Amino acid sequence: MKSSTEIKNIAKETVALEAEAIKKLENSINDDFVKVIELILNAKGRLIVAGIGKSANIANKMVATFNSTGQPAVFLHAADAIHGDLGNILNDDVVICVSKSGNTPEIKALLPFIKNMGNSVIALTGNMESFLAKEADFTLDVSVEKEACPNNLAPTSSTTAQLVMGDALAVTLLACKNFTDKDFARFHPGGTLGKRLFLKLSDILHENSSPQVSGEATINEVIMEISKKRLGATAVIENEKLKGIITDGDLRRMLEKGDSFTSLIASDIMCVNPKSIEINTLAYDALQLMEKYNISQLVVMDGDQYKGIVHIHEIIKEGVV
């Protein structure tokens, strides 16, 4: 068993070696990289990303990143391709082949067929003298001096370099396409990210979300309305217009004063000009506003019409954080 110091040193050396490999990738961001970006941007088809072994795992992740950022992409396993899956490649598609050695039998068998079909080929390889590097239309160098593996065998630094080059391609493409957060939202409708980008206050307001009393309401009536709607607050409405808000905090402060409150009415203790937000605002933006002002509720409006109150717990419950 290694000592704790030895374990930490091995891990640190792994990180350092992979960080160095990534840093050297800057030299591969050259005119060929620009030509690759231009080729993909001008292509009428999709990106087909092929690989085998650990490079196939990286190719799969690259496809996921491309698709999530608006660049249609399909994964193609090199071994499956030469056994029937070549039909996945359409006339206008651009093919990216990912291979550390660039000389694996499957890649060498696959490449001539792709070339005969007339598709452009981009190589991501760690061997600039390989069959793949020489036969591809464009080659991006993802070579590394040493794997992080102590035996210099297990793909570690090399697969990290491939992954980072794939990210560089994806991020450059989305920037060139002026891909915005609104575009991003279209491809991420599920989960926390999707809810941050899609869920609006109008989606979470319901019949129980609009507590209200008149300015003449007694304190008992105010308490009953707050308790009934369970949002910790009620709006004060006169002639269908918002006049203020009363929170459970306002009630506590009233009681702390010790004065008799039996003669008080809603308009006596309400907070005028409460923080409000439009009904079509994203729930996540409403949460950010609450955190900014350290408040738990926001009045929801549709123009000058009161629509309800949203509580911070309601937003959190929807899973936007």
C-alpha atoms as a PDB file:
ATOM      1  CA  MET A   1       0.000   0.000   0.000  1.00  0.00           C
ATOM      2  CA  LYS A   2       1.278   3.446  -0.905  1.00  0.00           C
ATOM      3  CA  SER A   3       1.703   6.040   1.807  1.00  0.00           C
ATOM      4  CA  SER A   4      -0.645   9.032   1.916  1.00  0.00           C
ATOM      5  CA  THR A   5       2.167  11.251   0.626  1.00  0.00           C
ATOM      6  CA  GLU A   6       2.865   8.916  -2.288  1.00  0.00           C
ATOM      7  CA  ILE A   7      -0.840   8.736  -3.174  1.00  0.00           C
ATOM      8  CA  LYS A   8      -1.133  12.511  -3.247  1.00  0.00           C
ATOM      9  CA  ASN A   9       2.040  12.870  -5.289  1.00  0.00           C
ATOM     10  CA  ILE A  10       0.802  10.378  -7.910  1.00  0.00           C
ATOM     11  CA  ALA A  11      -2.485  12.253  -8.234  1.00  0.00           C
ATOM     12  CA  LYS A  12      -0.740  15.638  -8.462  1.00  0.00           C
ATOM     13  CA  GLU A  13       1.642  14.343 -11.123  1.00  0.00           C
ATOM     14  CA  THR A  14      -1.321  13.053 -13.135  1.00  0.00           C
ATOM     15  CA  VAL A  15      -2.993  16.459 -13.010  1.00  0.00           C
ATOM     16  CA  ALA A  16       0.251  18.228 -13.902  1.00  0.00           C
ATOM     17  CA  LEU A  17       0.967  15.962 -16.882  1.00  0.00           C
ATOM     18  CA  GLU A  18      -2.538  16.375 -18.298  1.00  0.00           C
ATOM     19  CA  ALA A  19      -2.479  20.135 -17.713  1.00  0.00           C
ATOM     20  CA  GLU A  20       0.798  20.333 -19.626  1.00  0.00           C
ATOM     21  CA  ALA A  21      -0.681  18.301 -22.474  1.00  0.00           C
ATOM     22  CA  ILE A  22      -3.634  20.686 -22.716  1.00  0.00           C
ATOM     23  CA  LYS A  23      -1.379  23.736 -22.627  1.00  0.00           C
ATOM     24  CA  LYS A  24       0.588  22.446 -25.618  1.00  0.00           C
ATOM     25  CA  LEU A  25      -2.643  22.175 -27.618  1.00  0.00           C
ATOM     26  CA  GLU A  26      -2.452  25.937 -28.134  1.00  0.00           C
ATOM     27  CA  ASN A  27       0.141  25.236 -30.820  1.00  0.00           C
ATOM     28  CA  SER A  28      -2.475  23.245 -32.752  1.00  0.00           C
ATOM     29  CA  ILE A  29      -4.830  26.219 -32.970  1.00  0.00           C
ATOM     30  CA  ASN A  30      -3.459  27.314 -36.319  1.00  0.00           C
ATOM     31  CA  ASP A  31      -4.640  28.075 -39.852  1.00  0.00           C
ATOM     32  CA  ASP A  32      -5.752  24.460 -40.304  1.00  0.00           C
ATOM     33  CA  PHE A  33      -8.025  24.866 -37.294  1.00  0.00           C
ATOM     34  CA  VAL A  34      -9.570  27.930 -38.926  1.00  0.00           C
ATOM     35  CA  LYS A  35     -10.093  25.989 -42.171  1.00  0.00           C
ATOM     36  CA  VAL A  36     -11.777  23.189 -40.232  1.00  0.00           C
ATOM     37  CA  ILE A  37     -14.184  25.654 -38.626  1.00  0.00           C
ATOM     38  CA  GLU A  38     -14.950  27.220 -42.001  1.00  0.00           C
ATOM     39  CA  LEU A  39     -15.529  23.775 -43.524  1.00  0.00           C
ATOM     40  CA  ILE A  40     -18.030  22.806 -40.820  1.00  0.00           C
ATOM     41  CA  LEU A  41     -19.814  26.167 -40.909  1.00  0.00           C
ATOM     42  CA  ASN A  42     -20.278  25.944 -44.673  1.00  0.00           C
ATOM     43  CA  ALA A  43     -21.282  22.276 -44.721  1.00  0.00           C
ATOM     44  CA  LYS A  44     -24.902  21.486 -45.591  1.00  0.00           C
ATOM     45  CA  GLY A  45     -24.836  18.227 -43.681  1.00  0.00           C
ATOM     46  CA  ARG A  46     -24.009  16.991 -40.197  1.00  0.00           C
ATOM     47  CA  LEU A  47     -20.823  16.127 -38.375  1.00  0.00           C
ATOM     48  CA  ILE A  48     -20.078  12.409 -38.202  1.00  0.00           C
ATOM     49  CA  VAL A  49     -17.592  11.725 -35.402  1.00  0.00           C
ATOM     50  CA  ALA A  50     -15.904   8.328 -35.603  1.00  0.00           C
ATOM     51  CA  GLY A  51     -13.512   6.520 -33.296  1.00  0.00           C
ATOM     52  CA  ILE A  52     -12.635   3.188 -31.740  1.00  0.00           C
ATOM     53  CA  GLY A  53     -11.573   2.158 -28.238  1.00  0.00           C
ATOM     54  CA  LYS A  54     -11.112   5.039 -25.793  1.00  0.00           C
ATOM     55  CA  SER A  55     -11.179   7.458 -28.731  1.00  0.00           C
ATOM     56  CA  ALA A  56     -14.727   6.256 -29.404  1.00  0.00           C
ATOM     57  CA  ASN A  57     -15.700   7.323 -25.895  1.00  0.00           C
ATOM     58  CA  ILE A  58     -14.274  10.776 -26.593  1.00  0.00           C
ATOM     59  CA  ALA A  59     -16.036  10.887 -29.965  1.00  0.00           C
ATOM     60  CA  ASN A  60     -19.327  10.114 -28.219  1.00  0.00           C
ATOM     61  CA  LYS A  61     -18.819  12.998 -25.798  1.00  0.00           C
ATOM     62  CA  MET A  62     -17.888  15.327 -28.642  1.00  0.00           C
ATOM     63  CA  VAL A  63     -21.149  14.453 -30.384  1.00  0.00           C
ATOM     64  CA  ALA A  64     -23.103  15.238 -27.217  1.00  0.00           C
ATOM     65  CA  THR A  65     -21.404  18.634 -26.942  1.00  0.00           C
ATOM     66  CA  PHE A  66     -21.924  19.468 -30.626  1.00  0.00           C
ATOM     67  CA  ASN A  67     -25.612  18.575 -30.493  1.00  0.00           C
ATOM     68  CA  SER A  68     -26.180  20.559 -27.301  1.00  0.00           C
ATOM     69  CA  THR A  69     -24.666  23.665 -28.869  1.00  0.00           C
ATOM     70  CA  GLY A  70     -26.616  23.594 -32.106  1.00  0.00           C
ATOM     71  CA  GLN A  71     -24.261  21.624 -34.347  1.00  0.00           C
ATOM     72  CA  PRO A  72     -26.019  18.423 -35.546  1.00  0.00           C
ATOM     73  CA  ALA A  73     -23.698  15.475 -35.004  1.00  0.00           C
ATOM     74  CA  VAL A  74     -23.821  11.663 -35.070  1.00  0.00           C
ATOM     75  CA  PHE A  75     -21.462   9.164 -33.459  1.00  0.00           C
ATOM     76  CA  LEU A  76     -20.079   6.372 -35.652  1.00  0.00           C
ATOM     77  CA  HIS A  77     -18.102   3.473 -34.202  1.00  0.00           C
ATOM     78  CA  ALA A  78     -15.293   2.702 -36.627  1.00  0.00           C
ATOM     79  CA  ALA A  79     -15.693  -1.063 -36.296  1.00  0.00           C
ATOM     80  CA  ASP A  80     -19.460  -0.915 -36.848  1.00  0.00           C
ATOM     81  CA  ALA A  81     -18.970   1.421 -39.805  1.00  0.00           C
ATOM     82  CA  ILE A  82     -17.110  -1.180 -41.823  1.00  0.00           C
ATOM     83  CA  HIS A  83     -19.797  -3.747 -40.983  1.00  0.00           C
ATOM     84  CA  GLY A  84     -22.827  -1.922 -42.289  1.00  0.00           C
ATOM     85  CA  ASP A  85     -23.091   1.449 -40.502  1.00  0.00           C
ATOM     86  CA  LEU A  86     -21.525   3.428 -43.334  1.00  0.00           C
ATOM     87  CA  GLY A  87     -25.102   4.133 -44.350  1.00  0.00           C
ATOM     88  CA  ASN A  88     -25.203   6.694 -41.535  1.00  0.00           C
ATOM     89  CA  ILE A  89     -22.985   8.990 -43.590  1.00  0.00           C
ATOM     90  CA  LEU A  90     -24.912  11.193 -46.007  1.00  0.00           C
ATOM     91  CA  ASN A  91     -23.549  13.054 -49.020  1.00  0.00           C
ATOM     92  CA  ASP A  92     -23.099  16.454 -47.372  1.00  0.00           C
ATOM     93  CA  ASP A  93     -21.784  15.224 -44.014  1.00  0.00           C
ATOM     94  CA  VAL A  94     -18.321  16.089 -42.707  1.00  0.00           C
ATOM     95  CA  VAL A  95     -16.490  13.264 -40.929  1.00  0.00           C
ATOM     96  CA  ILE A  96     -14.190  13.697 -37.945  1.00  0.00           C
ATOM     97  CA  CYS A  97     -11.989  10.677 -37.184  1.00  0.00           C
ATOM     98  CA  VAL A  98     -10.530  10.530 -33.675  1.00  0.00           C
ATOM     99  CA  SER A  99      -7.513   8.241 -33.184  1.00  0.00           C
ATOM    100  CA  LYS A 100      -4.399   8.534 -31.066  1.00  0.00           C
ATOM    101  CA  SER A 101      -2.221   6.413 -33.356  1.00  0.00           C
ATOM    102  CA  GLY A 102      -4.061   7.123 -36.602  1.00  0.00           C
ATOM    103  CA  ASN A 103      -3.087   3.624 -37.704  1.00  0.00           C
ATOM    104  CA  THR A 104      -5.665   1.323 -36.141  1.00  0.00           C
ATOM    105  CA  PRO A 105      -6.896  -1.345 -38.601  1.00  0.00           C
ATOM    106  CA  GLU A 106     -10.506  -0.149 -38.382  1.00  0.00           C
ATOM    107  CA  ILE A 107      -9.610   3.463 -39.176  1.00  0.00           C
ATOM    108  CA  LYS A 108      -7.354   2.371 -42.041  1.00  0.00           C
ATOM    109  CA  ALA A 109     -10.165   0.231 -43.448  1.00  0.00           C
ATOM    110  CA  LEU A 110     -12.816   2.912 -42.973  1.00  0.00           C
ATOM    111  CA  LEU A 111     -11.063   5.952 -44.401  1.00  0.00           C
ATOM    112  CA  PRO A 112     -10.855   4.906 -48.098  1.00  0.00           C
ATOM    113  CA  PHE A 113     -14.599   4.217 -48.168  1.00  0.00           C
ATOM    114  CA  ILE A 114     -15.381   7.653 -46.726  1.00  0.00           C
ATOM    115  CA  LYS A 115     -13.049   9.292 -49.249  1.00  0.00           C
ATOM    116  CA  ASN A 116     -14.671   7.366 -52.107  1.00  0.00           C
ATOM    117  CA  MET A 117     -18.062   8.650 -50.974  1.00  0.00           C
ATOM    118  CA  GLY A 118     -16.758  12.189 -51.437  1.00  0.00           C
ATOM    119  CA  ASN A 119     -17.064  13.319 -47.813  1.00  0.00           C
ATOM    120  CA  SER A 120     -14.485  15.662 -46.277  1.00  0.00           C
ATOM    121  CA  VAL A 121     -12.452  14.114 -43.455  1.00  0.00           C
ATOM    122  CA  ILE A 122     -10.975  15.882 -40.434  1.00  0.00           C
ATOM    123  CA  ALA A 123      -8.413  13.955 -38.387  1.00  0.00           C
ATOM    124  CA  LEU A 124      -7.842  14.386 -34.658  1.00  0.00           C
ATOM    125  CA  THR A 125      -4.725  12.346 -34.095  1.00  0.00           C
ATOM    126  CA  GLY A 126      -1.622  12.177 -31.972  1.00  0.00           C
ATOM    127  CA  ASN A 127       0.515  10.883 -34.823  1.00  0.00           C
ATOM    128  CA  MET A 128       1.094  13.388 -37.606  1.00  0.00           C
ATOM    129  CA  GLU A 129       2.923  10.713 -39.661  1.00  0.00           C
ATOM    130  CA  SER A 130       0.044   8.248 -39.492  1.00  0.00           C
ATOM    131  CA  PHE A 131      -2.185   6.917 -42.256  1.00  0.00           C
ATOM    132  CA  LEU A 132      -5.088   8.997 -40.927  1.00  0.00           C
ATOM    133  CA  ALA A 133      -3.091  12.232 -40.754  1.00  0.00           C
ATOM    134  CA  LYS A 134      -1.836  11.845 -44.321  1.00  0.00           C
ATOM    135  CA  GLU A 135      -5.163  10.813 -45.874  1.00  0.00           C
ATOM    136  CA  ALA A 136      -7.428  13.322 -44.119  1.00  0.00           C
ATOM    137  CA  ASP A 137      -8.333  16.631 -45.748  1.00  0.00           C
ATOM    138  CA  PHE A 138      -7.424  18.481 -42.539  1.00  0.00           C
ATOM    139  CA  THR A 139      -5.487  17.281 -39.524  1.00  0.00           C
ATOM    140  CA  LEU A 140      -5.538  18.666 -35.988  1.00  0.00           C
ATOM    141  CA  ASP A 141      -2.582  17.628 -33.867  1.00  0.00           C
ATOM    142  CA  VAL A 142      -3.582  16.277 -30.440  1.00  0.00           C
ATOM    143  CA  SER A 143      -0.267  14.562 -29.704  1.00  0.00           C
ATOM    144  CA  VAL A 144       1.081  14.332 -26.162  1.00  0.00           C
ATOM    145  CA  GLU A 145       4.590  13.642 -24.958  1.00  0.00           C
ATOM    146  CA  LYS A 146       3.551  11.188 -22.252  1.00  0.00           C
ATOM    147  CA  GLU A 147       0.464   9.506 -20.890  1.00  0.00           C
ATOM    148  CA  ALA A 148      -0.254  10.181 -17.228  1.00  0.00           C
ATOM    149  CA  CYS A 149      -0.257   6.412 -16.733  1.00  0.00           C
ATOM    150  CA  PRO A 150       3.029   5.367 -15.021  1.00  0.00           C
ATOM    151  CA  ASN A 151       3.549   2.768 -17.745  1.00  0.00           C
ATOM    152  CA  ASN A 152       2.802   5.338 -20.473  1.00  0.00           C
ATOM    153  CA  LEU A 153       0.131   2.969 -21.808  1.00  0.00           C
ATOM    154  CA  ALA A 154      -3.386   3.748 -20.571  1.00  0.00           C
ATOM    155  CA  PRO A 155      -4.996   6.567 -22.597  1.00  0.00           C
ATOM    156  CA  THR A 156      -5.059   9.494 -20.157  1.00  0.00           C
ATOM    157  CA  SER A 157      -3.276  12.615 -21.342  1.00  0.00           C
ATOM    158  CA  SER A 158      -4.080  11.687 -24.951  1.00  0.00           C
ATOM    159  CA  THR A 159      -7.830  11.335 -24.418  1.00  0.00           C
ATOM    160  CA  THR A 160      -7.855  14.557 -22.408  1.00  0.00           C
ATOM    161  CA  ALA A 161      -6.202  16.345 -25.326  1.00  0.00           C
ATOM    162  CA  GLN A 162      -8.772  14.899 -27.735  1.00  0.00           C
ATOM    163  CA  LEU A 163     -11.606  16.013 -25.473  1.00  0.00           C
ATOM    164  CA  VAL A 164     -10.284  19.555 -25.140  1.00  0.00           C
ATOM    165  CA  MET A 165      -9.768  19.885 -28.901  1.00  0.00           C
ATOM    166  CA  GLY A 166     -13.383  18.762 -29.376  1.00  0.00           C
ATOM    167  CA  ASP A 167     -14.516  21.423 -26.918  1.00  0.00           C
ATOM    168  CA  ALA A 168     -12.442  24.035 -28.753  1.00  0.00           C
ATOM    169  CA  LEU A 169     -14.217  23.131 -31.984  1.00  0.00           C
ATOM    170  CA  ALA A 170     -17.677  23.197 -30.391  1.00  0.00           C
ATOM    171  CA  VAL A 171     -17.182  26.504 -28.573  1.00  0.00           C
ATOM    172  CA  THR A 172     -15.680  28.187 -31.637  1.00  0.00           C
ATOM    173  CA  LEU A 173     -18.577  26.992 -33.773  1.00  0.00           C
ATOM    174  CA  LEU A 174     -21.240  28.265 -31.372  1.00  0.00           C
ATOM    175  CA  ALA A 175     -19.473  31.629 -31.128  1.00  0.00           C
ATOM    176  CA  CYS A 176     -19.304  31.914 -34.924  1.00  0.00           C
ATOM    177  CA  LYS A 177     -23.037  31.130 -35.114  1.00  0.00           C
ATOM    178  CA  ASN A 178     -23.861  33.713 -32.416  1.00  0.00           C
ATOM    179  CA  PHE A 179     -25.456  30.910 -30.419  1.00  0.00           C
ATOM    180  CA  THR A 180     -27.298  32.565 -27.492  1.00  0.00           C
ATOM    181  CA  ASP A 181     -28.727  31.347 -24.190  1.00  0.00           C
ATOM    182  CA  LYS A 182     -32.149  31.299 -25.876  1.00  0.00           C
ATOM    183  CA  ASP A 183     -30.776  28.902 -28.506  1.00  0.00           C
ATOM    184  CA  PHE A 184     -29.154  26.849 -25.769  1.00  0.00           C
ATOM    185  CA  ALA A 185     -32.506  26.582 -23.981  1.00  0.00           C
ATOM    186  CA  ARG A 186     -34.119  24.939 -27.019  1.00  0.00           C
ATOM    187  CA  PHE A 187     -31.785  21.973 -26.689  1.00  0.00           C
ATOM    188  CA  HIS A 188     -31.934  21.671 -22.870  1.00  0.00           C
ATOM    189  CA  PRO A 189     -35.623  21.582 -21.882  1.00  0.00           C
ATOM    190  CA  GLY A 190     -35.146  19.069 -19.082  1.00  0.00           C
ATOM    191  CA  GLY A 191     -33.454  19.115 -15.692  1.00  0.00           C
ATOM    192  CA  THR A 192     -32.211  22.071 -13.687  1.00  0.00           C
ATOM    193  CA  LEU A 193     -30.655  23.785 -16.687  1.00  0.00           C
ATOM    194  CA  GLY A 194     -33.824  23.504 -18.739  1.00  0.00           C
ATOM    195  CA  LYS A 195     -35.939  24.900 -15.930  1.00  0.00           C
ATOM    196  CA  ARG A 196     -33.596  27.849 -15.474  1.00  0.00           C
ATOM    197  CA  LEU A 197     -33.934  28.697 -19.136  1.00  0.00           C
ATOM    198  CA  PHE A 198     -37.613  27.890 -19.697  1.00  0.00           C
ATOM    199  CA  LEU A 199     -39.709  27.896 -16.512  1.00  0.00           C
ATOM    200  CA  LYS A 200     -41.650  31.133 -16.137  1.00  0.00           C
ATOM    201  CA  LEU A 201     -43.596  32.465 -13.170  1.00  0.00           C
ATOM    202  CA  SER A 202     -46.781  31.960 -15.170  1.00  0.00           C
ATOM    203  CA  ASP A 203     -46.002  28.232 -15.123  1.00  0.00           C
ATOM    204  CA  ILE A 204     -45.934  27.962 -11.330  1.00  0.00           C
ATOM    205  CA  LEU A 205     -48.673  30.376 -10.269  1.00  0.00           C
ATOM    206  CA  HIS A 206     -51.947  28.671  -9.395  1.00  0.00           C
ATOM    207  CA  GLU A 207     -55.317  29.520  -7.883  1.00  0.00           C
ATOM    208  CA  ASN A 208     -53.880  29.548  -4.395  1.00  0.00           C
ATOM    209  CA  SER A 209     -51.137  31.993  -5.413  1.00  0.00           C
ATOM    210  CA  SER A 210     -53.126  35.229  -5.252  1.00  0.00           C
ATOM    211  CA  PRO A 211     -53.907  36.106  -1.632  1.00  0.00           C
ATOM    212  CA  GLN A 212     -55.549  39.511  -1.303  1.00  0.00           C
ATOM    213  CA  VAL A 213     -57.451  41.694   1.112  1.00  0.00           C
ATOM    214  CA  SER A 214     -58.903  45.156   0.907  1.00  0.00           C
ATOM    215  CA  GLY A 215     -57.339  48.125   2.621  1.00  0.00           C
ATOM    216  CA  GLU A 216     -60.223  48.051   5.113  1.00  0.00           C
ATOM    217  CA  ALA A 217     -59.672  44.433   6.120  1.00  0.00           C
ATOM    218  CA  THR A 218     -59.216  43.771   9.829  1.00  0.00           C
ATOM    219  CA  ILE A 219     -56.018  42.281  11.186  1.00  0.00           C
ATOM    220  CA  ASN A 220     -57.889  39.018  11.806  1.00  0.00           C
ATOM    221  CA  GLU A 221     -58.911  38.931   8.162  1.00  0.00           C
ATOM    222  CA  VAL A 222     -55.329  39.591   7.101  1.00  0.00           C
ATOM    223  CA  ILE A 223     -54.043  36.754   9.285  1.00  0.00           C
ATOM    224  CA  MET A 224     -56.713  34.381   7.967  1.00  0.00           C
ATOM    225  CA  GLU A 225     -55.854  35.164   4.331  1.00  0.00           C
ATOM    226  CA  ILE A 226     -52.114  34.710   4.879  1.00  0.00           C
ATOM    227  CA  SER A 227     -52.712  31.421   6.697  1.00  0.00           C
ATOM    228  CA  LYS A 228     -55.156  30.160   4.082  1.00  0.00           C
ATOM    229  CA  LYS A 229     -52.919  30.768   1.063  1.00  0.00           C
ATOM    230  CA  ARG A 230     -49.692  29.673   2.824  1.00  0.00           C
ATOM    231  CA  LEU A 231     -47.424  32.116   1.013  1.00  0.00           C
ATOM    232  CA  GLY A 232     -46.416  34.156   4.026  1.00  0.00           C
ATOM    233  CA  ALA A 233     -47.967  37.322   2.631  1.00  0.00           C
ATOM    234  CA  THR A 234     -51.045  38.904   1.120  1.00  0.00           C
ATOM    235  CA  ALA A 235     -51.533  41.735  -1.315  1.00  0.00           C
ATOM    236  CA  VAL A 236     -53.679  44.736  -0.453  1.00  0.00           C
ATOM    237  CA  ILE A 237     -56.017  45.524  -3.353  1.00  0.00           C
ATOM    238  CA  GLU A 238     -58.301  48.522  -3.840  1.00  0.00           C
ATOM    239  CA  ASN A 239     -60.419  48.972  -6.973  1.00  0.00           C
ATOM    240  CA  GLU A 240     -58.517  46.083  -8.578  1.00  0.00           C
ATOM    241  CA  LYS A 241     -55.232  47.937  -8.127  1.00  0.00           C
ATOM    242  CA  LEU A 242     -52.266  46.889  -6.005  1.00  0.00           C
ATOM    243  CA  LYS A 243     -51.795  49.198  -3.022  1.00  0.00           C
ATOM    244  CA  GLY A 244     -49.307  47.247  -0.938  1.00  0.00           C
ATOM    245  CA  ILE A 245     -48.300  43.967   0.640  1.00  0.00           C
ATOM    246  CA  ILE A 246     -48.427  42.567   4.174  1.00  0.00           C
ATOM    247  CA  THR A 247     -46.031  39.771   5.102  1.00  0.00           C
ATOM    248  CA  ASP A 248     -45.943  37.590   8.177  1.00  0.00           C
ATOM    249  CA  GLY A 249     -42.875  39.633   9.119  1.00  0.00           C
ATOM    250  CA  ASP A 250     -45.010  42.769   9.132  1.00  0.00           C
ATOM    251  CA  LEU A 251     -47.419  41.045  11.505  1.00  0.00           C
ATOM    252  CA  ARG A 252     -44.618  39.993  13.856  1.00  0.00           C
ATOM    253  CA  ARG A 253     -43.221  43.514  13.950  1.00  0.00           C
ATOM    254  CA  MET A 254     -46.700  44.850  14.709  1.00  0.00           C
ATOM    255  CA  LEU A 255     -47.032  42.469  17.638  1.00  0.00           C
ATOM    256  CA  GLU A 256     -43.545  43.310  18.945  1.00  0.00           C
ATOM    257  CA  LYS A 257     -44.588  46.947  19.352  1.00  0.00           C
ATOM    258  CA  GLY A 258     -46.999  45.816  22.059  1.00  0.00           C
ATOM    259  CA  ASP A 259     -49.693  48.308  21.114  1.00  0.00           C
ATOM    260  CA  SER A 260     -53.317  47.279  20.717  1.00  0.00           C
ATOM    261  CA  PHE A 261     -53.989  46.207  17.158  1.00  0.00           C
ATOM    262  CA  THR A 262     -57.684  45.442  17.378  1.00  0.00           C
ATOM    263  CA  SER A 263     -58.549  48.729  15.684  1.00  0.00           C
ATOM    264  CA  LEU A 264     -55.897  48.467  12.956  1.00  0.00           C
ATOM    265  CA  ILE A 265     -56.745  47.670   9.351  1.00  0.00           C
ATOM    266  CA  ALA A 266     -54.681  46.357   6.469  1.00  0.00           C
ATOM    267  CA  SER A 267     -53.770  49.781   5.089  1.00  0.00           C
ATOM    268  CA  ASP A 268     -52.258  50.730   8.479  1.00  0.00           C
ATOM    269  CA  ILE A 269     -49.526  48.102   8.372  1.00  0.00           C
ATOM    270  CA  MET A 270     -49.041  47.362   4.690  1.00  0.00           C
ATOM    271  CA  CYS A 271     -45.775  48.046   2.869  1.00  0.00           C
ATOM    272  CA  VAL A 272     -46.402  50.304  -0.100  1.00  0.00           C
ATOM    273  CA  ASN A 273     -44.460  49.930  -3.369  1.00  0.00           C
ATOM    274  CA  PRO A 274     -43.542  46.282  -2.793  1.00  0.00           C
ATOM    275  CA  LYS A 275     -40.988  44.557  -4.978  1.00  0.00           C
ATOM    276  CA  SER A 276     -42.813  43.177  -8.001  1.00  0.00           C
ATOM    277  CA  ILE A 277     -42.034  41.238 -11.152  1.00  0.00           C
ATOM    278  CA  GLU A 278     -43.741  40.523 -14.482  1.00  0.00           C
ATOM    279  CA  ILE A 279     -45.615  37.231 -14.845  1.00  0.00           C
ATOM    280  CA  ASN A 280     -43.639  36.126 -17.928  1.00  0.00           C
ATOM    281  CA  THR A 281     -40.287  36.509 -16.156  1.00  0.00           C
ATOM    282  CA  LEU A 282     -38.178  33.370 -15.776  1.00  0.00           C
ATOM    283  CA  ALA A 283     -38.543  31.785 -12.348  1.00  0.00           C
ATOM    284  CA  TYR A 284     -34.751  31.698 -12.016  1.00  0.00           C
ATOM    285  CA  ASP A 285     -34.553  35.464 -12.570  1.00  0.00           C
ATOM    286  CA  ALA A 286     -37.199  35.936  -9.873  1.00  0.00           C
ATOM    287  CA  LEU A 287     -35.069  33.848  -7.513  1.00  0.00           C
ATOM    288  CA  GLN A 288     -32.040  36.001  -8.283  1.00  0.00           C
ATOM    289  CA  LEU A 289     -34.058  39.136  -7.490  1.00  0.00           C
ATOM    290  CA  MET A 290     -35.215  37.692  -4.165  1.00  0.00           C
ATOM    291  CA  GLU A 291     -31.655  36.831  -3.209  1.00  0.00           C
ATOM    292  CA  LYS A 292     -30.474  40.301  -4.199  1.00  0.00           C
ATOM    293  CA  TYR A 293     -32.969  42.025  -1.891  1.00  0.00           C
ATOM    294  CA  ASN A 294     -32.985  39.267   0.759  1.00  0.00           C
ATOM    295  CA  ILE A 295     -36.746  38.781   0.537  1.00  0.00           C
ATOM    296  CA  SER A 296     -38.926  35.678   0.419  1.00  0.00           C
ATOM    297  CA  GLN A 297     -41.840  36.882  -1.720  1.00  0.00           C
ATOM    298  CA  LEU A 298     -42.413  38.862  -4.883  1.00  0.00           C
ATOM    299  CA  VAL A 299     -45.653  40.351  -6.133  1.00  0.00           C
ATOM    300  CA  VAL A 300     -46.382  39.052  -9.632  1.00  0.00           C
ATOM    301  CA  MET A 301     -47.930  41.509 -12.080  1.00  0.00           C
ATOM    302  CA  ASP A 302     -49.268  41.448 -15.628  1.00  0.00           C
ATOM    303  CA  GLY A 303     -48.839  45.078 -16.595  1.00  0.00           C
ATOM    304  CA  ASP A 304     -50.741  46.913 -13.862  1.00  0.00           C
ATOM    305  CA  GLN A 305     -52.873  43.870 -12.983  1.00  0.00           C
ATOM    306  CA  TYR A 306     -52.122  41.898  -9.827  1.00  0.00           C
ATOM    307  CA  LYS A 307     -51.693  38.193 -10.579  1.00  0.00           C
ATOM    308  CA  GLY A 308     -50.391  36.752  -7.347  1.00  0.00           C
ATOM    309  CA  ILE A 309     -47.456  36.255  -5.025  1.00  0.00           C
ATOM    310  CA  VAL A 310     -44.567  33.874  -5.586  1.00  0.00           C
ATOM    311  CA  HIS A 311     -42.637  32.527  -2.593  1.00  0.00           C
ATOM    312  CA  ILE A 312     -38.981  31.563  -2.797  1.00  0.00           C
ATOM    313  CA  HIS A 313     -39.825  28.041  -1.633  1.00  0.00           C
ATOM    314  CA  GLU A 314     -42.163  27.564  -4.587  1.00  0.00           C
ATOM    315  CA  ILE A 315     -39.333  28.325  -7.013  1.00  0.00           C
ATOM    316  CA  ILE A 316     -36.810  26.135  -5.218  1.00  0.00           C
ATOM    317  CA  LYS A 317     -39.340  23.301  -5.162  1.00  0.00           C
ATOM    318  CA  GLU A 318     -39.520  23.450  -8.955  1.00  0.00           C
ATOM    319  CA  GLY A 319     -35.827  22.502  -9.142  1.00  0.00           C
ATOM    320  CA  VAL A 320     -34.240  25.584 -10.728  1.00  0.00           C
ATOM    321  CA  VAL A 321     -31.269  25.341  -8.318  1.00  0.00           C
END
